[in-house]
């Protein structure tokens, strides 16, 4: 199952994030030049974080994600995908 989370600064409609639904097909370049797709991560817990460099709350989230990945990632295969817009 993939849970799609929407950052506070990007969700001004008041709509809740989609839960227990398949995420849309998302793919794009990774920092190392390879291509990342959500389909390749199926079966792993995934956090998709849409963010922007100008968004202060987005910047504040990074240490939280880093810490969670460090503690949970190795044990359960947690993957965090950041989508820059």
N, C-alpha and C. Protein backbone atom coordinates (compact mmCIF):
# COMPACT_ATOMS: atom_id res chain seq x y z
N UNK A 1 0.84 -1.16 0.00
CA UNK A 1 0.00 0.00 0.00
C UNK A 1 0.89 1.24 0.00
N UNK A 2 0.52 2.22 -0.77
CA UNK A 2 1.22 3.49 -0.81
C UNK A 2 0.29 4.55 -0.25
N UNK A 3 0.79 5.35 0.65
CA UNK A 3 0.02 6.46 1.20
C UNK A 3 0.60 7.73 0.64
N UNK A 4 -0.24 8.55 0.06
CA UNK A 4 0.20 9.80 -0.54
C UNK A 4 -0.07 10.91 0.45
N UNK A 5 0.97 11.62 0.86
CA UNK A 5 0.84 12.71 1.79
C UNK A 5 0.99 14.03 1.06
N UNK A 6 0.24 15.02 1.48
CA UNK A 6 0.32 16.34 0.87
C UNK A 6 0.85 17.31 1.90
N UNK A 7 1.87 18.05 1.55
CA UNK A 7 2.48 19.00 2.49
C UNK A 7 1.51 20.13 2.80
N UNK A 8 1.65 20.70 3.98
CA UNK A 8 0.75 21.75 4.43
C UNK A 8 0.72 22.95 3.50
N UNK A 9 1.86 23.35 2.98
CA UNK A 9 1.88 24.54 2.13
C UNK A 9 1.32 24.27 0.74
N UNK A 10 1.18 23.00 0.36
CA UNK A 10 0.66 22.68 -0.96
C UNK A 10 -0.79 22.26 -0.96
N UNK A 11 -1.43 22.19 0.20
CA UNK A 11 -2.80 21.72 0.27
C UNK A 11 -3.67 22.84 0.83
N UNK A 12 -4.06 23.76 -0.01
CA UNK A 12 -4.89 24.88 0.45
C UNK A 12 -6.37 24.61 0.24
N UNK A 13 -6.71 23.48 -0.38
CA UNK A 13 -8.12 23.18 -0.66
C UNK A 13 -8.84 22.63 0.57
N UNK A 14 -8.10 22.17 1.56
CA UNK A 14 -8.72 21.56 2.72
C UNK A 14 -9.03 20.08 2.50
N UNK A 15 -8.75 19.55 1.31
CA UNK A 15 -9.01 18.15 1.02
C UNK A 15 -8.00 17.28 1.76
N UNK A 16 -8.47 16.12 2.21
CA UNK A 16 -7.58 15.19 2.89
C UNK A 16 -6.77 14.39 1.89
N UNK A 17 -5.58 13.94 2.27
CA UNK A 17 -4.78 13.11 1.37
C UNK A 17 -5.49 11.78 1.09
N UNK A 18 -5.17 11.21 -0.06
CA UNK A 18 -5.74 9.91 -0.43
C UNK A 18 -5.07 8.82 0.41
N UNK A 19 -5.87 8.00 1.06
CA UNK A 19 -5.37 6.90 1.87
C UNK A 19 -6.06 5.63 1.40
N UNK A 20 -5.33 4.53 1.37
CA UNK A 20 -5.85 3.24 0.92
C UNK A 20 -6.28 3.25 -0.54
N UNK A 21 -5.66 4.10 -1.34
CA UNK A 21 -5.86 4.12 -2.78
C UNK A 21 -4.50 4.01 -3.43
N UNK A 22 -4.47 3.43 -4.60
CA UNK A 22 -3.20 3.34 -5.32
C UNK A 22 -2.78 4.73 -5.76
N UNK A 23 -1.52 5.03 -5.56
CA UNK A 23 -0.99 6.34 -5.96
C UNK A 23 -0.89 6.41 -7.48
N UNK A 24 -0.97 7.61 -8.03
CA UNK A 24 -0.81 7.74 -9.48
C UNK A 24 0.61 7.38 -9.90
N UNK A 25 0.77 7.06 -11.16
CA UNK A 25 2.10 6.73 -11.68
C UNK A 25 2.97 7.98 -11.63
N UNK A 26 4.04 7.90 -10.88
CA UNK A 26 4.98 9.01 -10.77
C UNK A 26 6.37 8.46 -11.06
N UNK A 27 7.09 9.12 -11.93
CA UNK A 27 8.48 8.75 -12.16
C UNK A 27 9.24 10.01 -12.53
N UNK A 28 10.54 9.97 -12.28
CA UNK A 28 11.36 11.12 -12.59
C UNK A 28 12.81 10.84 -12.27
N UNK A 29 13.67 11.81 -12.57
CA UNK A 29 15.10 11.62 -12.35
C UNK A 29 15.46 11.68 -10.87
N UNK A 30 16.38 10.81 -10.49
CA UNK A 30 16.92 10.82 -9.13
C UNK A 30 18.15 11.71 -9.10
N UNK A 31 18.65 11.97 -7.92
CA UNK A 31 19.84 12.81 -7.79
C UNK A 31 21.06 12.22 -8.48
N UNK A 32 21.11 10.90 -8.59
CA UNK A 32 22.26 10.27 -9.23
C UNK A 32 22.09 10.10 -10.74
N UNK A 33 20.98 10.63 -11.30
CA UNK A 33 20.75 10.55 -12.74
C UNK A 33 19.91 9.37 -13.17
N UNK A 34 19.69 8.40 -12.28
CA UNK A 34 18.83 7.27 -12.62
C UNK A 34 17.37 7.71 -12.58
N UNK A 35 16.46 6.83 -12.93
CA UNK A 35 15.04 7.14 -12.90
C UNK A 35 14.38 6.39 -11.74
N UNK A 36 13.57 7.10 -10.99
CA UNK A 36 12.82 6.52 -9.88
C UNK A 36 11.35 6.50 -10.26
N UNK A 37 10.69 5.38 -10.00
CA UNK A 37 9.24 5.30 -10.23
C UNK A 37 8.59 4.67 -9.01
N UNK A 38 7.38 5.10 -8.72
CA UNK A 38 6.66 4.50 -7.60
C UNK A 38 6.40 3.02 -7.86
N UNK A 39 6.19 2.66 -9.10
CA UNK A 39 5.92 1.25 -9.43
C UNK A 39 7.08 0.36 -8.97
N UNK A 40 8.31 0.86 -9.06
CA UNK A 40 9.47 0.05 -8.66
C UNK A 40 9.55 -0.11 -7.15
N UNK A 41 8.80 0.68 -6.41
CA UNK A 41 8.83 0.63 -4.94
C UNK A 41 7.63 -0.12 -4.37
N UNK A 42 6.79 -0.67 -5.24
CA UNK A 42 5.61 -1.40 -4.78
C UNK A 42 6.01 -2.50 -3.80
N UNK A 43 5.24 -2.61 -2.73
CA UNK A 43 5.54 -3.61 -1.70
C UNK A 43 6.32 -3.06 -0.53
N UNK A 44 6.81 -1.83 -0.65
CA UNK A 44 7.55 -1.17 0.43
C UNK A 44 6.70 -0.01 0.95
N UNK A 45 6.82 0.32 2.22
CA UNK A 45 6.18 1.55 2.70
C UNK A 45 6.88 2.75 2.07
N UNK A 46 6.09 3.67 1.51
CA UNK A 46 6.64 4.81 0.79
C UNK A 46 5.98 6.10 1.26
N UNK A 47 6.79 7.11 1.51
CA UNK A 47 6.31 8.47 1.76
C UNK A 47 6.68 9.28 0.54
N UNK A 48 5.69 9.91 -0.11
CA UNK A 48 5.94 10.81 -1.24
C UNK A 48 5.74 12.22 -0.71
N UNK A 49 6.80 13.01 -0.75
CA UNK A 49 6.77 14.36 -0.22
C UNK A 49 6.96 15.36 -1.35
N UNK A 50 5.90 16.12 -1.64
CA UNK A 50 5.99 17.19 -2.64
C UNK A 50 6.47 18.44 -1.90
N UNK A 51 7.53 19.05 -2.40
CA UNK A 51 8.11 20.17 -1.69
C UNK A 51 8.67 21.20 -2.66
N UNK A 52 9.01 22.36 -2.13
CA UNK A 52 9.64 23.42 -2.91
C UNK A 52 10.69 24.10 -2.05
N UNK A 53 11.74 24.57 -2.67
CA UNK A 53 12.84 25.17 -1.90
C UNK A 53 12.41 26.45 -1.20
N UNK A 54 11.39 27.13 -1.71
CA UNK A 54 10.94 28.38 -1.11
C UNK A 54 9.96 28.15 0.04
N UNK A 55 9.55 26.92 0.27
CA UNK A 55 8.54 26.58 1.28
C UNK A 55 9.22 26.30 2.62
N UNK A 56 9.07 27.21 3.58
CA UNK A 56 9.73 27.03 4.88
C UNK A 56 9.24 25.79 5.63
N UNK A 57 7.92 25.48 5.66
CA UNK A 57 7.51 24.24 6.32
C UNK A 57 8.11 23.00 5.65
N UNK A 58 8.29 23.07 4.33
CA UNK A 58 8.92 21.94 3.62
C UNK A 58 10.34 21.73 4.10
N UNK A 59 11.07 22.81 4.28
CA UNK A 59 12.44 22.71 4.78
C UNK A 59 12.48 22.14 6.18
N UNK A 60 11.50 22.50 7.00
CA UNK A 60 11.44 22.00 8.37
C UNK A 60 11.16 20.51 8.42
N UNK A 61 10.53 19.96 7.37
CA UNK A 61 10.21 18.54 7.35
C UNK A 61 11.43 17.65 7.13
N UNK A 62 12.43 18.15 6.44
CA UNK A 62 13.57 17.31 6.08
C UNK A 62 14.23 16.61 7.26
N UNK A 63 14.51 17.30 8.37
CA UNK A 63 15.12 16.58 9.50
C UNK A 63 14.21 15.47 10.03
N UNK A 64 12.90 15.68 10.00
CA UNK A 64 11.97 14.65 10.47
C UNK A 64 12.06 13.42 9.57
N UNK A 65 12.03 13.63 8.26
CA UNK A 65 12.14 12.51 7.32
C UNK A 65 13.49 11.80 7.48
N UNK A 66 14.54 12.57 7.60
CA UNK A 66 15.88 11.97 7.76
C UNK A 66 15.92 11.09 9.00
N UNK A 67 15.40 11.61 10.11
CA UNK A 67 15.42 10.85 11.36
C UNK A 67 14.55 9.60 11.27
N UNK A 68 13.39 9.70 10.66
CA UNK A 68 12.50 8.54 10.51
C UNK A 68 13.14 7.49 9.61
N UNK A 69 13.76 7.92 8.54
CA UNK A 69 14.41 6.99 7.63
C UNK A 69 15.56 6.28 8.34
N UNK A 70 16.29 7.01 9.16
CA UNK A 70 17.41 6.41 9.88
C UNK A 70 16.95 5.37 10.89
N UNK A 71 15.80 5.59 11.52
CA UNK A 71 15.34 4.66 12.54
C UNK A 71 14.43 3.57 11.98
N UNK A 72 13.56 3.90 11.03
CA UNK A 72 12.60 2.92 10.51
C UNK A 72 13.05 2.27 9.21
N UNK A 73 13.73 3.03 8.38
CA UNK A 73 14.08 2.55 7.04
C UNK A 73 14.77 1.21 6.99
N UNK A 74 15.85 1.01 7.71
CA UNK A 74 16.54 -0.27 7.63
C UNK A 74 15.69 -1.45 8.08
N UNK A 75 14.82 -1.21 9.05
CA UNK A 75 14.03 -2.31 9.61
C UNK A 75 12.88 -2.74 8.72
N UNK A 76 12.21 -1.79 8.10
CA UNK A 76 11.01 -2.15 7.35
C UNK A 76 11.03 -1.75 5.88
N UNK A 77 12.15 -1.28 5.39
CA UNK A 77 12.25 -0.94 3.97
C UNK A 77 11.62 0.38 3.60
N UNK A 78 11.41 1.26 4.57
CA UNK A 78 10.79 2.55 4.31
C UNK A 78 11.54 3.31 3.21
N UNK A 79 10.80 3.85 2.26
CA UNK A 79 11.38 4.65 1.19
C UNK A 79 10.75 6.04 1.24
N UNK A 80 11.54 7.08 1.08
CA UNK A 80 11.02 8.45 1.02
C UNK A 80 11.39 9.03 -0.33
N UNK A 81 10.37 9.49 -1.05
CA UNK A 81 10.58 10.07 -2.38
C UNK A 81 10.20 11.54 -2.29
N UNK A 82 11.13 12.42 -2.60
CA UNK A 82 10.86 13.85 -2.62
C UNK A 82 10.63 14.30 -4.05
N UNK A 83 9.54 15.02 -4.25
CA UNK A 83 9.20 15.54 -5.58
C UNK A 83 9.29 17.06 -5.51
N UNK A 84 10.23 17.63 -6.21
CA UNK A 84 10.44 19.06 -6.22
C UNK A 84 9.53 19.71 -7.25
N UNK A 85 8.80 20.74 -6.83
CA UNK A 85 7.99 21.49 -7.80
C UNK A 85 8.24 22.96 -7.68
